Amino acid sequence: MTSTVDAPMADVRDMYMAHAALRREFRLLPQLIRDVAPGDTARAEVVSAHAELICRILHTHHEGEDLLLWPKLLQRGGDEAASIVPMMEEQHHAIDKAHAEATGLLPAWRSTGQESEELAGVFEVLLAVLLTHMTTEEKWILPLAEKHVTATEWRELGEHGMAATPKRDLPLAFGMAMYEGDPAVIKAVLGHAPLPVRLLVPVIGRRRYAAHARRVHGTTRPARMGTLN
């Protein structure tokens, strides 16, 4: 392992927060699609835009892991990492395949509002592989990261996500993650940001997500993880 003597190690709590948002939104999505009346292109536009947003967030999230996390764990984590990281990479490939199929169907559905069941079914496949992946990651990868990845290196994952996300999407993406986030974790995530960002992002993010949730889910308080099976 590369020496990290005296270096603060990763605080991985933000990953649980990100996972909670992904679980919530991808679990709710198939029914959102099914609820669109055939031919209701106005509603299909709203749901499609939401689906595309969370798909972009997911892709960026996993891209950061591929580039910045797996190599470090394989280099430093010994046999433990060697036994689990290849499985995580395989799961990413399965997620990418389902992701590509789902996003490939979205444009036609967006313009017609037809064949909702097919699209919902594909997103259910994506959901299944995603849930398995996140559960495995939380059980095995995050404890490894706490031992083998420094706090500075861990922050690079968030910086990658911010750099790869269109600026117009950032407040909403933050708000989506903060919706079920522990205030202490939110404070820690923003701890290295300039003061105006630390003050404004929680307020703007929550407002953006509340407005978005009202438009997409019909409520500013969509079902939280604790109420979902």
Protein backbone atom coordinates (compact mmCIF):
# COMPACT_ATOMS: atom_id res chain seq x y z
CA MET A 1 0.00 0.00 0.00
CA THR A 2 1.17 3.54 -0.71
CA SER A 3 2.06 5.20 2.59
CA THR A 4 -0.68 7.36 4.09
CA VAL A 5 1.04 7.81 7.48
CA ASP A 6 -0.58 10.68 9.43
CA ALA A 7 -2.99 11.35 6.56
CA PRO A 8 -6.67 11.58 7.52
CA MET A 9 -8.55 8.72 5.92
CA ALA A 10 -11.74 8.79 3.88
CA ASP A 11 -15.03 9.73 5.48
CA VAL A 12 -17.33 7.57 3.36
CA ARG A 13 -20.63 8.71 4.85
CA ASP A 14 -21.38 10.82 1.78
CA MET A 15 -21.52 7.62 -0.31
CA TYR A 16 -24.41 6.31 1.78
CA MET A 17 -26.18 9.63 1.20
CA ALA A 18 -25.65 9.40 -2.56
CA HIS A 19 -26.82 5.79 -2.58
CA ALA A 20 -29.99 6.69 -0.69
CA ALA A 21 -30.88 9.23 -3.37
CA LEU A 22 -30.19 6.78 -6.19
CA ARG A 23 -32.20 4.02 -4.49
CA ARG A 24 -35.14 6.34 -3.95
CA GLU A 25 -35.31 7.84 -7.41
CA PHE A 26 -34.71 4.63 -9.36
CA ARG A 27 -37.22 2.73 -7.20
CA LEU A 28 -39.91 5.34 -7.84
CA LEU A 29 -39.19 5.69 -11.57
CA PRO A 30 -40.89 2.57 -13.04
CA GLN A 31 -44.24 3.51 -11.53
CA LEU A 32 -43.84 7.12 -12.66
CA ILE A 33 -43.46 5.78 -16.19
CA ARG A 34 -46.43 3.41 -15.90
CA ASP A 35 -48.63 6.22 -14.58
CA VAL A 36 -48.21 8.29 -17.75
CA ALA A 37 -51.39 8.04 -19.81
CA PRO A 38 -50.77 6.76 -23.37
CA GLY A 39 -50.13 9.74 -25.61
CA ASP A 40 -49.65 12.23 -22.76
CA THR A 41 -46.45 13.68 -24.16
CA ALA A 42 -46.43 16.62 -21.74
CA ARG A 43 -46.19 14.29 -18.76
CA ALA A 44 -43.82 11.98 -20.62
CA GLU A 45 -41.52 14.97 -21.13
CA VAL A 46 -41.43 15.67 -17.38
CA VAL A 47 -40.74 12.05 -16.42
CA SER A 48 -38.19 11.59 -19.21
CA ALA A 49 -36.25 14.67 -18.16
CA HIS A 50 -36.14 13.32 -14.62
CA ALA A 51 -35.05 9.87 -15.81
CA GLU A 52 -32.28 11.38 -17.91
CA LEU A 53 -31.09 13.46 -14.95
CA ILE A 54 -30.76 10.52 -12.56
CA CYS A 55 -29.17 8.42 -15.30
CA ARG A 56 -26.54 11.14 -15.81
CA ILE A 57 -25.91 11.29 -12.08
CA LEU A 58 -25.53 7.51 -11.93
CA HIS A 59 -23.15 7.43 -14.90
CA THR A 60 -20.96 10.17 -13.43
CA HIS A 61 -20.95 8.51 -10.02
CA HIS A 62 -19.72 5.20 -11.44
CA GLU A 63 -17.27 6.85 -13.81
CA GLY A 64 -15.56 8.42 -10.80
CA GLU A 65 -15.27 5.04 -9.10
CA ASP A 66 -13.83 3.45 -12.23
CA LEU A 67 -11.21 6.16 -12.63
CA LEU A 68 -10.35 7.08 -9.07
CA LEU A 69 -11.35 4.36 -6.62
CA TRP A 70 -10.86 0.86 -8.05
CA PRO A 71 -7.19 1.41 -9.03
CA LYS A 72 -6.28 2.66 -5.55
CA LEU A 73 -8.01 -0.22 -3.82
CA LEU A 74 -6.37 -2.81 -6.08
CA GLN A 75 -2.98 -1.23 -5.47
CA ARG A 76 -3.31 -0.98 -1.70
CA GLY A 77 -5.99 -3.39 -0.50
CA GLY A 78 -4.21 -6.69 -0.99
CA ASP A 79 -6.13 -9.94 -1.34
CA GLU A 80 -9.28 -8.42 0.13
CA ALA A 81 -9.52 -5.84 -2.65
CA ALA A 82 -8.43 -8.32 -5.31
CA SER A 83 -11.35 -10.56 -4.36
CA ILE A 84 -14.06 -7.90 -4.54
CA VAL A 85 -13.04 -5.09 -6.95
CA PRO A 86 -13.33 -7.28 -10.11
CA MET A 87 -16.90 -8.12 -9.03
CA MET A 88 -17.66 -4.42 -8.68
CA GLU A 89 -16.28 -3.79 -12.15
CA GLU A 90 -18.46 -6.58 -13.57
CA GLN A 91 -21.48 -5.08 -11.86
CA HIS A 92 -20.66 -1.71 -13.41
CA HIS A 93 -20.66 -3.38 -16.83
CA ALA A 94 -24.08 -4.91 -16.12
CA ILE A 95 -25.39 -1.55 -14.96
CA ASP A 96 -23.95 0.15 -18.05
CA LYS A 97 -25.72 -2.36 -20.29
CA ALA A 98 -29.10 -1.83 -18.63
CA HIS A 99 -28.48 1.92 -18.50
CA ALA A 100 -27.77 2.05 -22.24
CA GLU A 101 -30.91 0.05 -23.04
CA ALA A 102 -33.09 2.27 -20.87
CA THR A 103 -31.71 5.56 -22.16
CA GLY A 104 -31.96 4.22 -25.71
CA LEU A 105 -35.73 3.76 -25.29
CA LEU A 106 -36.33 7.11 -23.62
CA PRO A 107 -36.38 9.43 -26.68
CA ALA A 108 -39.16 7.56 -28.49
CA TRP A 109 -41.22 7.26 -25.31
CA ARG A 110 -40.65 10.93 -24.55
CA SER A 111 -42.12 11.95 -27.90
CA THR A 112 -45.08 9.54 -27.91
CA GLY A 113 -45.94 8.47 -24.37
CA GLN A 114 -46.48 4.97 -25.76
CA GLU A 115 -45.02 1.57 -24.75
CA SER A 116 -44.69 2.62 -21.13
CA GLU A 117 -44.61 -0.95 -19.84
CA GLU A 118 -41.57 -1.84 -21.93
CA LEU A 119 -39.64 1.16 -20.68
CA ALA A 120 -40.68 0.60 -17.07
CA GLY A 121 -39.55 -3.02 -17.32
CA VAL A 122 -36.12 -2.04 -18.57
CA PHE A 123 -35.71 0.42 -15.71
CA GLU A 124 -36.70 -2.35 -13.30
CA VAL A 125 -33.82 -4.44 -14.67
CA LEU A 126 -31.49 -1.49 -14.13
CA LEU A 127 -32.86 -1.05 -10.61
CA ALA A 128 -32.23 -4.69 -9.71
CA VAL A 129 -28.58 -4.69 -10.74
CA LEU A 130 -28.06 -1.27 -9.18
CA LEU A 131 -29.49 -2.31 -5.81
CA THR A 132 -27.29 -5.41 -5.73
CA HIS A 133 -24.25 -3.33 -6.59
CA MET A 134 -24.82 -0.65 -3.98
CA THR A 135 -25.48 -3.19 -1.24
CA THR A 136 -22.25 -5.03 -2.09
CA GLU A 137 -20.35 -1.76 -2.25
CA GLU A 138 -21.57 -0.68 1.16
CA LYS A 139 -20.70 -4.04 2.72
CA TRP A 140 -17.21 -4.51 1.26
CA ILE A 141 -15.87 -1.49 -0.62
CA LEU A 142 -16.60 1.34 1.80
CA PRO A 143 -14.81 -0.36 4.73
CA LEU A 144 -11.83 -0.88 2.41
CA ALA A 145 -11.89 2.76 1.37
CA GLU A 146 -11.85 3.85 5.00
CA LYS A 147 -8.62 1.89 5.46
CA HIS A 148 -6.82 2.55 2.18
CA VAL A 149 -8.00 5.87 0.70
CA THR A 150 -7.10 9.24 2.18
CA ALA A 151 -9.64 11.97 2.82
CA THR A 152 -8.04 14.10 0.11
CA GLU A 153 -8.27 11.26 -2.41
CA TRP A 154 -11.86 10.56 -1.45
CA ARG A 155 -12.80 14.20 -2.07
CA GLU A 156 -11.51 13.77 -5.61
CA LEU A 157 -14.54 11.57 -6.29
CA GLY A 158 -16.85 14.45 -5.42
CA GLU A 159 -14.75 16.88 -7.40
CA HIS A 160 -14.97 14.59 -10.43
CA GLY A 161 -18.74 14.47 -10.07
CA MET A 162 -19.02 18.24 -9.86
CA ALA A 163 -16.73 18.79 -12.84
CA ALA A 164 -18.63 16.28 -14.98
CA THR A 165 -22.09 17.60 -14.07
CA PRO A 166 -23.59 20.54 -15.99
CA LYS A 167 -23.65 23.57 -13.70
CA ARG A 168 -27.40 23.92 -14.15
CA ASP A 169 -27.87 20.46 -12.62
CA LEU A 170 -25.60 20.88 -9.58
CA PRO A 171 -28.02 22.56 -7.14
CA LEU A 172 -30.71 19.99 -7.94
CA ALA A 173 -28.28 17.08 -7.66
CA PHE A 174 -27.14 18.35 -4.26
CA GLY A 175 -30.73 18.82 -3.14
CA MET A 176 -31.64 15.33 -4.29
CA ALA A 177 -28.81 13.87 -2.19
CA MET A 178 -29.51 16.10 0.81
CA TYR A 179 -33.21 15.16 0.96
CA GLU A 180 -32.46 12.15 3.17
CA GLY A 181 -29.00 13.27 4.22
CA ASP A 182 -27.72 13.52 7.77
CA PRO A 183 -27.07 17.22 8.51
CA ALA A 184 -23.65 16.30 9.93
CA VAL A 185 -22.73 14.53 6.69
CA ILE A 186 -23.96 17.44 4.58
CA LYS A 187 -21.83 19.80 6.69
CA ALA A 188 -18.80 17.54 6.24
CA VAL A 189 -19.31 17.32 2.46
CA LEU A 190 -19.37 21.10 2.19
CA GLY A 191 -16.63 21.62 4.77
CA HIS A 192 -13.93 22.47 2.23
CA ALA A 193 -16.13 24.71 0.08
CA PRO A 194 -15.98 28.52 0.27
CA LEU A 195 -18.24 30.07 2.91
CA PRO A 196 -20.87 31.37 0.44
CA VAL A 197 -21.20 27.85 -1.00
CA ARG A 198 -21.53 26.32 2.46
CA LEU A 199 -24.29 28.78 3.30
CA LEU A 200 -26.21 28.83 0.03
CA VAL A 201 -26.05 25.27 -1.31
CA PRO A 202 -28.18 23.67 1.42
CA VAL A 203 -30.88 26.32 0.98
CA ILE A 204 -30.88 26.43 -2.82
CA GLY A 205 -30.47 22.68 -3.17
CA ARG A 206 -33.44 21.88 -0.96
CA ARG A 207 -35.61 24.42 -2.76
CA ARG A 208 -34.62 23.07 -6.17
CA TYR A 209 -35.34 19.49 -5.16
CA ALA A 210 -38.67 20.41 -3.55
CA ALA A 211 -39.80 22.13 -6.76
CA HIS A 212 -38.50 19.25 -8.86
CA ALA A 213 -40.17 16.63 -6.66
CA ARG A 214 -43.48 18.49 -6.81
CA ARG A 215 -43.32 18.48 -10.60
CA VAL A 216 -42.15 14.87 -10.95
CA HIS A 217 -43.60 13.06 -7.93
CA GLY A 218 -46.56 15.30 -7.19
CA THR A 219 -45.24 16.09 -3.69
CA THR A 220 -42.33 17.89 -2.11
CA ARG A 221 -41.87 14.82 0.14
CA PRO A 222 -41.52 11.71 -2.01
CA ALA A 223 -41.26 8.37 -0.24
CA ARG A 224 -38.10 8.00 1.77
CA MET A 225 -35.97 4.89 2.01
CA GLY A 226 -37.57 3.84 5.27
CA THR A 227 -41.00 3.60 3.64
CA LEU A 228 -39.85 1.68 0.56
CA ASN A 229 -39.63 -2.09 0.38
